[in-house]
């Protein structure tokens, strides 16, 4: 029935295909490198910076919490920090909720 299409026959054996085991290993190594450089390494860097921030907190520092509350550190211990958010108003937070330290005088300028 195929009047216009002539059949194609293979002339000889083709070259040896790439070893599928080697391809799988290279694929897994490449995937592992992508995972490391795009996910694990940046997260570890951020965690290290946050740990250094929390370790360096002292009384008088001005900080912002994860909830967006600005305050001045008036007391801190191992797990908690007390922030003065306005004159005479103090709030207690877990230390891990401090997200950034602000330059001195930021609260007064707002």
C-alpha atoms as a PDB file:
ATOM      1  CA  UNK A   1       0.000   0.000   0.000  1.00  0.00           C
ATOM      2  CA  UNK A   2       2.901   2.334   0.344  1.00  0.00           C
ATOM      3  CA  UNK A   3       3.528   3.242  -3.279  1.00  0.00           C
ATOM      4  CA  UNK A   4       5.453   6.438  -2.616  1.00  0.00           C
ATOM      5  CA  UNK A   5       7.438   5.488   0.496  1.00  0.00           C
ATOM      6  CA  UNK A   6      10.226   3.027   0.105  1.00  0.00           C
ATOM      7  CA  UNK A   7      11.158   0.903   3.115  1.00  0.00           C
ATOM      8  CA  UNK A   8      14.278   1.888   5.051  1.00  0.00           C
ATOM      9  CA  UNK A   9      16.586  -0.833   6.236  1.00  0.00           C
ATOM     10  CA  UNK A  10      19.366  -0.485   8.758  1.00  0.00           C
ATOM     11  CA  UNK A  11      22.709  -0.812   7.104  1.00  0.00           C
ATOM     12  CA  UNK A  12      24.745  -1.968  10.054  1.00  0.00           C
ATOM     13  CA  UNK A  13      24.956  -1.987  13.812  1.00  0.00           C
ATOM     14  CA  UNK A  14      24.936   1.479  15.335  1.00  0.00           C
ATOM     15  CA  UNK A  15      27.562   2.669  17.812  1.00  0.00           C
ATOM     16  CA  UNK A  16      27.334   1.414  21.363  1.00  0.00           C
ATOM     17  CA  UNK A  17      24.804   3.418  23.397  1.00  0.00           C
ATOM     18  CA  UNK A  18      25.913   5.281  26.531  1.00  0.00           C
ATOM     19  CA  UNK A  19      26.017   3.064  29.559  1.00  0.00           C
ATOM     20  CA  UNK A  20      22.749   3.675  31.416  1.00  0.00           C
ATOM     21  CA  UNK A  21      24.424   3.044  34.797  1.00  0.00           C
ATOM     22  CA  UNK A  22      26.956   5.822  34.167  1.00  0.00           C
ATOM     23  CA  UNK A  23      24.185   8.167  33.026  1.00  0.00           C
ATOM     24  CA  UNK A  24      22.190   7.510  36.196  1.00  0.00           C
ATOM     25  CA  UNK A  25      25.200   8.209  38.401  1.00  0.00           C
ATOM     26  CA  UNK A  26      25.932  11.483  36.590  1.00  0.00           C
ATOM     27  CA  UNK A  27      22.274  12.453  36.843  1.00  0.00           C
ATOM     28  CA  UNK A  28      22.211  11.817  40.608  1.00  0.00           C
ATOM     29  CA  UNK A  29      25.472  13.711  41.170  1.00  0.00           C
ATOM     30  CA  UNK A  30      24.159  16.660  39.137  1.00  0.00           C
ATOM     31  CA  UNK A  31      20.890  16.645  41.037  1.00  0.00           C
ATOM     32  CA  UNK A  32      22.783  16.535  44.343  1.00  0.00           C
ATOM     33  CA  UNK A  33      24.924  19.523  43.333  1.00  0.00           C
ATOM     34  CA  UNK A  34      21.876  21.528  42.313  1.00  0.00           C
ATOM     35  CA  UNK A  35      20.170  20.674  45.595  1.00  0.00           C
ATOM     36  CA  UNK A  36      23.272  21.712  47.566  1.00  0.00           C
ATOM     37  CA  UNK A  37      23.931  25.026  45.813  1.00  0.00           C
ATOM     38  CA  UNK A  38      20.336  26.203  45.454  1.00  0.00           C
ATOM     39  CA  UNK A  39      18.696  24.960  48.657  1.00  0.00           C
ATOM     40  CA  UNK A  40      20.918  23.688  51.425  1.00  0.00           C
ATOM     41  CA  UNK A  41      23.855  26.132  51.264  1.00  0.00           C
ATOM     42  CA  UNK A  42      21.818  29.398  51.260  1.00  0.00           C
ATOM     43  CA  UNK A  43      19.590  28.130  54.080  1.00  0.00           C
ATOM     44  CA  UNK A  44      22.611  27.183  56.190  1.00  0.00           C
ATOM     45  CA  UNK A  45      24.136  30.613  55.548  1.00  0.00           C
ATOM     46  CA  UNK A  46      20.955  32.388  56.677  1.00  0.00           C
ATOM     47  CA  UNK A  47      20.727  30.215  59.783  1.00  0.00           C
ATOM     48  CA  UNK A  48      24.340  31.026  60.671  1.00  0.00           C
ATOM     49  CA  UNK A  49      23.755  34.778  60.243  1.00  0.00           C
ATOM     50  CA  UNK A  50      20.600  34.608  62.404  1.00  0.00           C
ATOM     51  CA  UNK A  51      22.458  32.691  65.120  1.00  0.00           C
ATOM     52  CA  UNK A  52      25.219  35.327  65.107  1.00  0.00           C
ATOM     53  CA  UNK A  53      22.576  38.077  65.334  1.00  0.00           C
ATOM     54  CA  UNK A  54      20.943  36.462  68.359  1.00  0.00           C
ATOM     55  CA  UNK A  55      24.291  35.818  70.017  1.00  0.00           C
ATOM     56  CA  UNK A  56      25.306  39.455  69.631  1.00  0.00           C
ATOM     57  CA  UNK A  57      22.175  41.030  71.121  1.00  0.00           C
ATOM     58  CA  UNK A  58      22.778  43.373  74.056  1.00  0.00           C
ATOM     59  CA  UNK A  59      20.693  45.784  76.104  1.00  0.00           C
ATOM     60  CA  UNK A  60      19.953  48.955  74.189  1.00  0.00           C
ATOM     61  CA  UNK A  61      19.916  47.352  70.736  1.00  0.00           C
ATOM     62  CA  UNK A  62      17.010  48.280  68.496  1.00  0.00           C
ATOM     63  CA  UNK A  63      15.469  45.300  66.738  1.00  0.00           C
ATOM     64  CA  UNK A  64      12.522  44.243  64.627  1.00  0.00           C
ATOM     65  CA  UNK A  65      10.625  41.017  65.295  1.00  0.00           C
ATOM     66  CA  UNK A  66       9.279  38.519  62.773  1.00  0.00           C
ATOM     67  CA  UNK A  67       5.842  40.070  63.323  1.00  0.00           C
ATOM     68  CA  UNK A  68       7.114  43.547  62.404  1.00  0.00           C
ATOM     69  CA  UNK A  69       7.231  45.028  65.925  1.00  0.00           C
ATOM     70  CA  UNK A  70      10.028  47.526  66.522  1.00  0.00           C
ATOM     71  CA  UNK A  71      11.529  47.705  69.966  1.00  0.00           C
ATOM     72  CA  UNK A  72      14.532  48.419  72.134  1.00  0.00           C
ATOM     73  CA  UNK A  73      16.045  45.524  74.098  1.00  0.00           C
ATOM     74  CA  UNK A  74      15.711  46.176  77.835  1.00  0.00           C
ATOM     75  CA  UNK A  75      16.310  42.673  79.169  1.00  0.00           C
ATOM     76  CA  UNK A  76      17.342  39.333  77.751  1.00  0.00           C
ATOM     77  CA  UNK A  77      18.184  35.853  78.879  1.00  0.00           C
ATOM     78  CA  UNK A  78      18.954  32.575  77.145  1.00  0.00           C
ATOM     79  CA  UNK A  79      15.525  32.062  75.557  1.00  0.00           C
ATOM     80  CA  UNK A  80      13.595  35.340  75.835  1.00  0.00           C
ATOM     81  CA  UNK A  81      14.059  39.014  75.087  1.00  0.00           C
ATOM     82  CA  UNK A  82      12.061  41.912  76.573  1.00  0.00           C
ATOM     83  CA  UNK A  83      11.467  44.789  74.180  1.00  0.00           C
ATOM     84  CA  UNK A  84      10.319  48.276  75.046  1.00  0.00           C
ATOM     85  CA  UNK A  85       7.968  49.146  72.205  1.00  0.00           C
ATOM     86  CA  UNK A  86       6.928  52.515  73.616  1.00  0.00           C
ATOM     87  CA  UNK A  87       7.632  54.403  76.806  1.00  0.00           C
ATOM     88  CA  UNK A  88       6.517  52.173  79.675  1.00  0.00           C
ATOM     89  CA  UNK A  89       5.300  49.336  77.430  1.00  0.00           C
ATOM     90  CA  UNK A  90       7.384  46.192  77.457  1.00  0.00           C
ATOM     91  CA  UNK A  91       6.685  42.989  75.554  1.00  0.00           C
ATOM     92  CA  UNK A  92       8.387  39.618  75.989  1.00  0.00           C
ATOM     93  CA  UNK A  93       9.329  37.575  72.907  1.00  0.00           C
ATOM     94  CA  UNK A  94      11.205  34.405  72.231  1.00  0.00           C
ATOM     95  CA  UNK A  95      14.692  35.270  71.098  1.00  0.00           C
ATOM     96  CA  UNK A  96      14.248  33.372  67.849  1.00  0.00           C
ATOM     97  CA  UNK A  97      11.540  35.824  66.745  1.00  0.00           C
ATOM     98  CA  UNK A  98      14.023  38.683  66.468  1.00  0.00           C
ATOM     99  CA  UNK A  99      14.601  38.991  62.727  1.00  0.00           C
ATOM    100  CA  UNK A 100      16.954  41.971  62.365  1.00  0.00           C
ATOM    101  CA  UNK A 101      18.960  44.512  64.303  1.00  0.00           C
ATOM    102  CA  UNK A 102      18.373  48.134  63.386  1.00  0.00           C
ATOM    103  CA  UNK A 103      20.843  51.043  63.461  1.00  0.00           C
ATOM    104  CA  UNK A 104      20.798  53.134  66.637  1.00  0.00           C
ATOM    105  CA  UNK A 105      18.224  55.919  66.563  1.00  0.00           C
ATOM    106  CA  UNK A 106      15.881  54.232  64.097  1.00  0.00           C
ATOM    107  CA  UNK A 107      12.942  54.108  66.484  1.00  0.00           C
ATOM    108  CA  UNK A 108      13.212  57.793  67.416  1.00  0.00           C
ATOM    109  CA  UNK A 109      13.368  58.812  63.751  1.00  0.00           C
ATOM    110  CA  UNK A 110      10.079  57.054  62.985  1.00  0.00           C
END
